[in-house]
Amino acid sequence: MKNAQLGGLEVSRIGLGAMTMAGTYTSGGGLDDDESVRAIHRALDLGVTHIDTAEIYGPYLSEEIVGRALRGRRDEVVVATKFGLVSHAGGGPGTIDSSPANVRAAVEGSLERLGTDYIDLYYQHRVDPGTPIEETAGAVAELVAEGKVRHFGLSEASARTIRRAHAVHSVAALQTEYSLWTRDVEAEILPVLRELGIGFVPYSPLGHGLLTGRLRSADEIPDDDWRKTNPRFVGENFARNLRLVDEVRAIGAEIGATPAQTALAWILTRGDDIAPIPGTRRVARVEENTAADAVSLTPEQVERLTALEPAAGARHDDANMTTIDR
């Protein structure tokens, strides 16, 4: 597989997101940790060198699964995890806390669960309005100096926050949502990243599953699924967004690719500093997603995909949008 450059970090240009291995979309029914481990192993066998997780996924379960899967194979992988959505001072999961003390508490737990003595890429999961970003960046810089962390990342940070953090310690990567149906970053964020030499890691590159083409009715979404309250999966927005999926499917049919592979192939045309992390816990989906590395779009097909209207509806409900630094 070809590689991408995230600051000073080289990774496979298609990674693996481990969020769903902890049942993040649903309450957890039907989870199979053994299958998740097999999915990670298959990803490694296919050339994936970038695994992304976070302490909040589960919480903790996703990191534990990743740690279990990487026993004996740690040196093959760039391991990325995140802090800041679990307060270790009493607030617990869901409490934003990127204070230096909490960063130090978080890293110790992640290292133990991942079964490693260093984290390749350590992200602040959400910007903490109660802690200056300079203090958080300084805390991560200390962990880098101690060898517990190798690279610093940010997630859902504004251009201003990125600049402030980068002035304290170099930021290797920014993670935020980006796909054919979420293009916000193109206006301001991507130019800043490229100015500063920071890589970009798109999460949900398949539009929370809609761009795979497998979901055709909102009634197919279980009641306990997070997408049930997402504005893009509700009412008229859902119907409008299916039209975008149909265009992706049509272009994929021209080249013998699935909608998911077509959507990922489009992202891969956006630059060699971009490394999407499609999430799954299924071996078959790992195989499908990684095969996008070999999919070639013509310039005309890229232009047609780029010209598609982004999704109708906000990308999160109001409560979740308040946690995004803008």
Protein backbone atom coordinates (compact mmCIF):
# COMPACT_ATOMS: atom_id res chain seq x y z
CA MET A 1 0.00 0.00 0.00
CA LYS A 2 1.13 3.54 -0.71
CA ASN A 3 1.96 5.80 2.23
CA ALA A 4 0.96 9.27 3.38
CA GLN A 5 2.94 11.80 5.38
CA LEU A 6 1.53 13.19 8.64
CA GLY A 7 4.07 15.79 9.62
CA GLY A 8 7.14 13.71 10.40
CA LEU A 9 5.13 10.48 10.61
CA GLU A 10 4.69 8.08 7.70
CA VAL A 11 1.58 5.89 7.63
CA SER A 12 -0.34 3.75 5.18
CA ARG A 13 -2.64 6.08 3.28
CA ILE A 14 -5.63 3.99 4.34
CA GLY A 15 -5.80 3.26 8.04
CA LEU A 16 -8.25 1.51 10.34
CA GLY A 17 -10.51 3.23 12.84
CA ALA A 18 -11.30 1.10 15.88
CA MET A 19 -14.24 3.08 17.27
CA THR A 20 -16.98 0.67 16.22
CA MET A 21 -15.15 -2.21 17.86
CA ALA A 22 -16.46 -0.78 21.13
CA GLY A 23 -20.05 -0.49 19.92
CA THR A 24 -20.01 3.27 19.52
CA TYR A 25 -22.91 3.37 17.05
CA THR A 26 -25.12 1.14 19.17
CA SER A 27 -25.40 0.07 22.80
CA GLY A 28 -22.99 -2.76 22.10
CA GLY A 29 -25.22 -5.66 21.15
CA GLY A 30 -23.61 -8.18 18.84
CA LEU A 31 -20.04 -7.16 19.54
CA ASP A 32 -17.44 -9.85 19.00
CA ASP A 33 -13.98 -8.96 20.29
CA ASP A 34 -12.42 -11.95 18.54
CA GLU A 35 -13.78 -10.75 15.21
CA SER A 36 -12.41 -7.26 15.90
CA VAL A 37 -8.98 -8.75 16.54
CA ARG A 38 -9.20 -10.69 13.29
CA ALA A 39 -10.13 -7.48 11.46
CA ILE A 40 -7.04 -5.74 12.82
CA HIS A 41 -4.82 -8.68 11.90
CA ARG A 42 -6.25 -8.72 8.39
CA ALA A 43 -5.63 -5.00 8.05
CA LEU A 44 -1.99 -5.47 9.02
CA ASP A 45 -1.63 -8.33 6.56
CA LEU A 46 -2.97 -6.06 3.79
CA GLY A 47 -0.43 -3.33 4.51
CA VAL A 48 -2.31 -1.08 6.92
CA THR A 49 0.16 0.49 9.34
CA HIS A 50 -2.12 3.05 11.02
CA ILE A 51 -4.62 2.05 13.74
CA ASP A 52 -6.72 4.72 15.43
CA THR A 53 -8.50 4.40 18.76
CA ALA A 54 -9.35 6.48 21.87
CA GLU A 55 -9.83 5.98 25.58
CA ILE A 56 -13.47 7.13 25.35
CA TYR A 57 -14.39 4.35 22.91
CA GLY A 58 -16.14 1.90 25.19
CA PRO A 59 -14.86 3.60 27.28
CA TYR A 60 -11.51 1.79 27.25
CA LEU A 61 -12.69 -1.33 25.38
CA SER A 62 -11.39 -0.26 21.97
CA GLU A 63 -7.89 0.37 23.33
CA GLU A 64 -7.94 -3.02 25.03
CA ILE A 65 -8.89 -4.76 21.78
CA VAL A 66 -6.20 -2.92 19.84
CA GLY A 67 -3.63 -3.81 22.50
CA ARG A 68 -4.64 -7.46 22.35
CA ALA A 69 -4.45 -7.52 18.54
CA LEU A 70 -1.01 -5.93 18.44
CA ARG A 71 0.73 -8.36 20.77
CA GLY A 72 3.82 -9.48 18.93
CA ARG A 73 3.15 -7.04 16.07
CA ARG A 74 3.58 -3.66 17.77
CA ASP A 75 6.54 -2.64 15.63
CA GLU A 76 4.44 -2.95 12.45
CA VAL A 77 1.99 -0.25 13.45
CA VAL A 78 1.59 3.46 14.06
CA VAL A 79 -0.78 3.52 17.04
CA ALA A 80 -2.91 6.62 17.48
CA THR A 81 -5.14 7.23 20.47
CA LYS A 82 -6.85 10.21 22.06
CA PHE A 83 -7.32 11.86 25.44
CA GLY A 84 -9.57 14.58 26.79
CA LEU A 85 -13.09 13.13 26.80
CA VAL A 86 -12.59 11.23 30.06
CA SER A 87 -11.88 13.16 33.24
CA HIS A 88 -9.71 11.15 35.62
CA ALA A 89 -10.29 13.62 38.45
CA GLY A 90 -13.83 12.48 39.14
CA GLY A 91 -15.80 13.68 36.11
CA GLY A 92 -15.50 10.37 34.31
CA PRO A 93 -16.33 9.55 30.67
CA GLY A 94 -17.93 12.33 28.65
CA THR A 95 -16.33 15.13 30.65
CA ILE A 96 -13.99 17.31 28.60
CA ASP A 97 -10.68 17.70 30.43
CA SER A 98 -7.33 18.45 28.83
CA SER A 99 -5.65 19.84 31.92
CA PRO A 100 -2.00 18.80 32.23
CA ALA A 101 -2.82 16.57 35.22
CA ASN A 102 -5.53 14.78 33.27
CA VAL A 103 -3.29 14.33 30.23
CA ARG A 104 -0.73 12.60 32.46
CA ALA A 105 -3.36 10.36 34.04
CA ALA A 106 -4.85 9.49 30.66
CA VAL A 107 -1.59 8.50 29.01
CA GLU A 108 -0.74 5.98 31.70
CA GLY A 109 -4.05 4.18 31.26
CA SER A 110 -3.76 4.16 27.48
CA LEU A 111 -0.23 2.78 27.57
CA GLU A 112 -1.34 -0.05 29.85
CA ARG A 113 -4.40 -0.98 27.78
CA LEU A 114 -2.47 -0.81 24.52
CA GLY A 115 0.32 -2.95 25.93
CA THR A 116 3.04 -0.57 24.84
CA ASP A 117 5.53 1.86 26.33
CA TYR A 118 4.93 4.60 23.77
CA ILE A 119 2.09 6.05 21.70
CA ASP A 120 2.98 7.08 18.16
CA LEU A 121 0.31 9.75 17.75
CA TYR A 122 -1.50 11.23 20.76
CA TYR A 123 -4.49 13.43 19.97
CA GLN A 124 -6.45 15.87 22.05
CA HIS A 125 -9.92 14.47 21.29
CA ARG A 126 -11.83 17.72 21.71
CA VAL A 127 -10.57 21.20 22.52
CA ASP A 128 -11.07 21.96 26.21
CA PRO A 129 -12.55 25.46 26.68
CA GLY A 130 -11.44 25.36 30.32
CA THR A 131 -7.74 24.76 29.61
CA PRO A 132 -5.60 26.99 27.36
CA ILE A 133 -4.37 24.94 24.43
CA GLU A 134 -0.84 26.07 25.24
CA GLU A 135 -1.00 24.23 28.57
CA THR A 136 -2.26 21.04 26.92
CA ALA A 137 0.37 21.21 24.19
CA GLY A 138 3.02 21.78 26.85
CA ALA A 139 1.89 18.69 28.75
CA VAL A 140 2.10 16.55 25.61
CA ALA A 141 5.53 18.05 24.85
CA GLU A 142 6.71 16.77 28.24
CA LEU A 143 5.41 13.28 27.39
CA VAL A 144 7.31 13.44 24.10
CA ALA A 145 10.48 14.38 25.97
CA GLU A 146 9.92 11.41 28.29
CA GLY A 147 9.46 9.02 25.34
CA LYS A 148 5.86 8.10 26.20
CA VAL A 149 4.51 9.91 23.13
CA ARG A 150 6.18 10.43 19.77
CA HIS A 151 3.84 12.82 17.94
CA PHE A 152 1.09 15.28 18.95
CA GLY A 153 -2.28 15.52 17.23
CA LEU A 154 -5.47 17.57 17.48
CA SER A 155 -9.06 16.60 16.72
CA GLU A 156 -11.87 18.98 15.70
CA ALA A 157 -9.70 22.06 16.33
CA SER A 158 -10.15 25.41 14.64
CA ALA A 159 -7.44 27.06 12.54
CA ARG A 160 -6.68 29.46 15.39
CA THR A 161 -6.28 26.64 17.91
CA ILE A 162 -4.07 24.69 15.52
CA ARG A 163 -1.74 27.67 15.18
CA ARG A 164 -1.57 28.24 18.94
CA ALA A 165 -0.83 24.57 19.68
CA HIS A 166 1.73 24.28 16.91
CA ALA A 167 3.62 27.27 18.32
CA VAL A 168 4.19 25.32 21.56
CA HIS A 169 4.89 21.88 20.10
CA SER A 170 4.74 20.73 16.49
CA VAL A 171 1.41 19.16 15.57
CA ALA A 172 1.79 16.12 13.32
CA ALA A 173 -1.86 15.64 12.36
CA LEU A 174 -5.34 17.03 12.63
CA GLN A 175 -8.29 14.67 12.73
CA THR A 176 -11.77 15.75 11.72
CA GLU A 177 -14.62 14.55 9.55
CA TYR A 178 -14.03 14.73 5.80
CA SER A 179 -15.68 12.92 2.93
CA LEU A 180 -17.72 13.54 -0.19
CA TRP A 181 -20.54 14.68 2.08
CA THR A 182 -18.50 16.77 4.56
CA ARG A 183 -16.25 19.31 2.88
CA ASP A 184 -16.03 22.11 5.49
CA VAL A 185 -12.29 21.74 6.03
CA GLU A 186 -11.45 22.73 2.47
CA ALA A 187 -12.14 26.43 3.06
CA GLU A 188 -9.80 27.23 5.95
CA ILE A 189 -8.45 24.18 7.77
CA LEU A 190 -6.66 22.39 4.92
CA PRO A 191 -4.78 25.54 3.78
CA VAL A 192 -3.54 26.10 7.35
CA LEU A 193 -2.44 22.48 7.70
CA ARG A 194 -0.48 22.69 4.48
CA GLU A 195 1.07 26.01 5.45
CA LEU A 196 2.31 24.48 8.71
CA GLY A 197 3.26 21.03 7.34
CA ILE A 198 0.59 19.21 9.35
CA GLY A 199 -1.02 16.02 8.03
CA PHE A 200 -4.75 15.41 7.86
CA VAL A 201 -6.59 12.29 9.09
CA PRO A 202 -10.24 12.22 7.95
CA TYR A 203 -12.56 10.26 10.19
CA SER A 204 -15.92 8.98 8.93
CA PRO A 205 -14.66 9.06 5.31
CA LEU A 206 -17.67 6.91 4.39
CA GLY A 207 -20.26 9.25 5.85
CA HIS A 208 -21.03 7.13 8.92
CA GLY A 209 -21.77 4.25 6.58
CA LEU A 210 -24.14 5.98 4.16
CA LEU A 211 -21.54 6.23 1.39
CA THR A 212 -21.16 2.44 1.39
CA GLY A 213 -24.53 2.29 -0.37
CA ARG A 214 -25.87 -0.40 1.93
CA LEU A 215 -28.31 1.79 3.87
CA ARG A 216 -31.39 2.76 1.83
CA SER A 217 -33.97 3.62 4.47
CA ALA A 218 -33.83 5.38 7.83
CA ASP A 219 -36.02 2.54 9.12
CA GLU A 220 -32.99 0.23 8.79
CA ILE A 221 -31.19 2.16 11.54
CA PRO A 222 -31.69 0.53 14.97
CA ASP A 223 -33.34 2.68 17.64
CA ASP A 224 -30.20 2.61 19.81
CA ASP A 225 -27.96 3.70 16.94
CA TRP A 226 -26.31 7.13 17.30
CA ARG A 227 -27.26 7.98 13.70
CA LYS A 228 -30.96 7.93 14.63
CA THR A 229 -30.57 11.50 15.93
CA ASN A 230 -28.07 12.70 13.32
CA PRO A 231 -29.66 15.42 11.16
CA ARG A 232 -28.28 13.87 7.97
CA PHE A 233 -30.13 10.60 8.58
CA VAL A 234 -33.51 12.17 9.38
CA GLY A 235 -36.50 13.02 7.18
CA GLU A 236 -36.00 14.82 3.90
CA ASN A 237 -32.27 15.16 4.52
CA PHE A 238 -31.87 11.40 4.37
CA ALA A 239 -33.72 11.18 1.05
CA ARG A 240 -31.63 14.01 -0.42
CA ASN A 241 -28.40 12.42 0.77
CA LEU A 242 -29.28 9.12 -0.89
CA ARG A 243 -29.10 10.95 -4.23
CA LEU A 244 -25.45 11.76 -3.50
CA VAL A 245 -24.84 8.07 -2.76
CA ASP A 246 -26.46 7.11 -6.06
CA GLU A 247 -24.00 9.33 -7.95
CA VAL A 248 -21.07 7.71 -6.14
CA ARG A 249 -22.48 4.28 -6.97
CA ALA A 250 -22.83 5.20 -10.65
CA ILE A 251 -19.21 6.31 -10.96
CA GLY A 252 -18.04 3.21 -9.10
CA ALA A 253 -19.94 1.05 -11.56
CA GLU A 254 -17.92 2.58 -14.39
CA ILE A 255 -14.65 1.30 -12.90
CA GLY A 256 -15.83 -1.87 -11.16
CA ALA A 257 -15.56 -0.41 -7.64
CA THR A 258 -18.01 -0.41 -4.75
CA PRO A 259 -19.43 2.93 -3.52
CA ALA A 260 -17.17 2.73 -0.46
CA GLN A 261 -14.08 2.17 -2.58
CA THR A 262 -15.08 5.02 -4.88
CA ALA A 263 -15.58 7.43 -1.98
CA LEU A 264 -12.22 6.48 -0.46
CA ALA A 265 -10.46 6.70 -3.82
CA TRP A 266 -11.73 10.27 -4.17
CA ILE A 267 -10.24 11.23 -0.78
CA LEU A 268 -6.92 9.72 -1.83
CA THR A 269 -6.81 12.15 -4.76
CA ARG A 270 -6.84 15.12 -2.38
CA GLY A 271 -3.16 14.89 -1.43
CA ASP A 272 -0.36 12.70 -0.08
CA ASP A 273 -0.72 14.37 3.33
CA ILE A 274 -4.19 12.86 3.83
CA ALA A 275 -4.72 9.44 5.44
CA PRO A 276 -8.38 8.44 6.03
CA ILE A 277 -9.30 5.95 8.75
CA PRO A 278 -12.48 4.10 7.72
CA GLY A 279 -13.83 2.31 10.75
CA THR A 280 -15.07 -1.26 10.91
CA ARG A 281 -14.92 -4.41 12.98
CA ARG A 282 -15.52 -6.75 10.02
CA VAL A 283 -12.81 -8.56 8.06
CA ALA A 284 -14.81 -8.25 4.82
CA ARG A 285 -15.09 -4.49 5.21
CA VAL A 286 -11.37 -4.19 5.93
CA GLU A 287 -10.69 -6.02 2.67
CA GLU A 288 -13.10 -3.84 0.74
CA ASN A 289 -11.78 -0.56 2.16
CA THR A 290 -8.09 -1.31 1.73
CA ALA A 291 -8.69 -2.32 -1.88
CA ALA A 292 -9.50 1.33 -2.57
CA ASP A 293 -5.73 1.89 -2.60
CA ALA A 294 -5.67 0.29 -6.05
CA VAL A 295 -8.72 2.10 -7.46
CA SER A 296 -7.93 4.67 -10.16
CA LEU A 297 -10.34 7.49 -10.98
CA THR A 298 -10.01 9.40 -14.21
CA PRO A 299 -9.63 13.21 -14.00
CA GLU A 300 -13.17 13.52 -15.34
CA GLN A 301 -14.53 11.18 -12.65
CA VAL A 302 -12.67 13.09 -9.93
CA GLU A 303 -14.19 16.30 -11.25
CA ARG A 304 -17.70 14.82 -11.22
CA LEU A 305 -17.29 13.60 -7.64
CA THR A 306 -15.80 16.89 -6.48
CA ALA A 307 -18.74 18.76 -8.00
CA LEU A 308 -21.31 16.80 -5.97
CA GLU A 309 -23.22 18.82 -3.40
CA PRO A 310 -22.18 17.99 0.18
CA ALA A 311 -24.76 16.39 2.45
CA ALA A 312 -27.94 18.09 3.55
CA GLY A 313 -28.16 18.73 7.29
CA ALA A 314 -25.69 19.48 10.06
CA ARG A 315 -23.08 16.78 10.62
CA HIS A 316 -24.00 16.39 14.31
CA ASP A 317 -26.94 17.26 16.51
CA ASP A 318 -26.80 20.51 18.50
CA ALA A 319 -25.31 18.94 21.62
CA ASN A 320 -22.42 17.33 19.75
CA MET A 321 -21.78 20.42 17.63
CA THR A 322 -21.13 22.41 20.81
CA THR A 323 -18.01 20.30 21.48
CA ILE A 324 -16.42 21.24 18.14
CA ASP A 325 -13.96 24.12 18.23
CA ARG A 326 -15.02 26.71 15.64
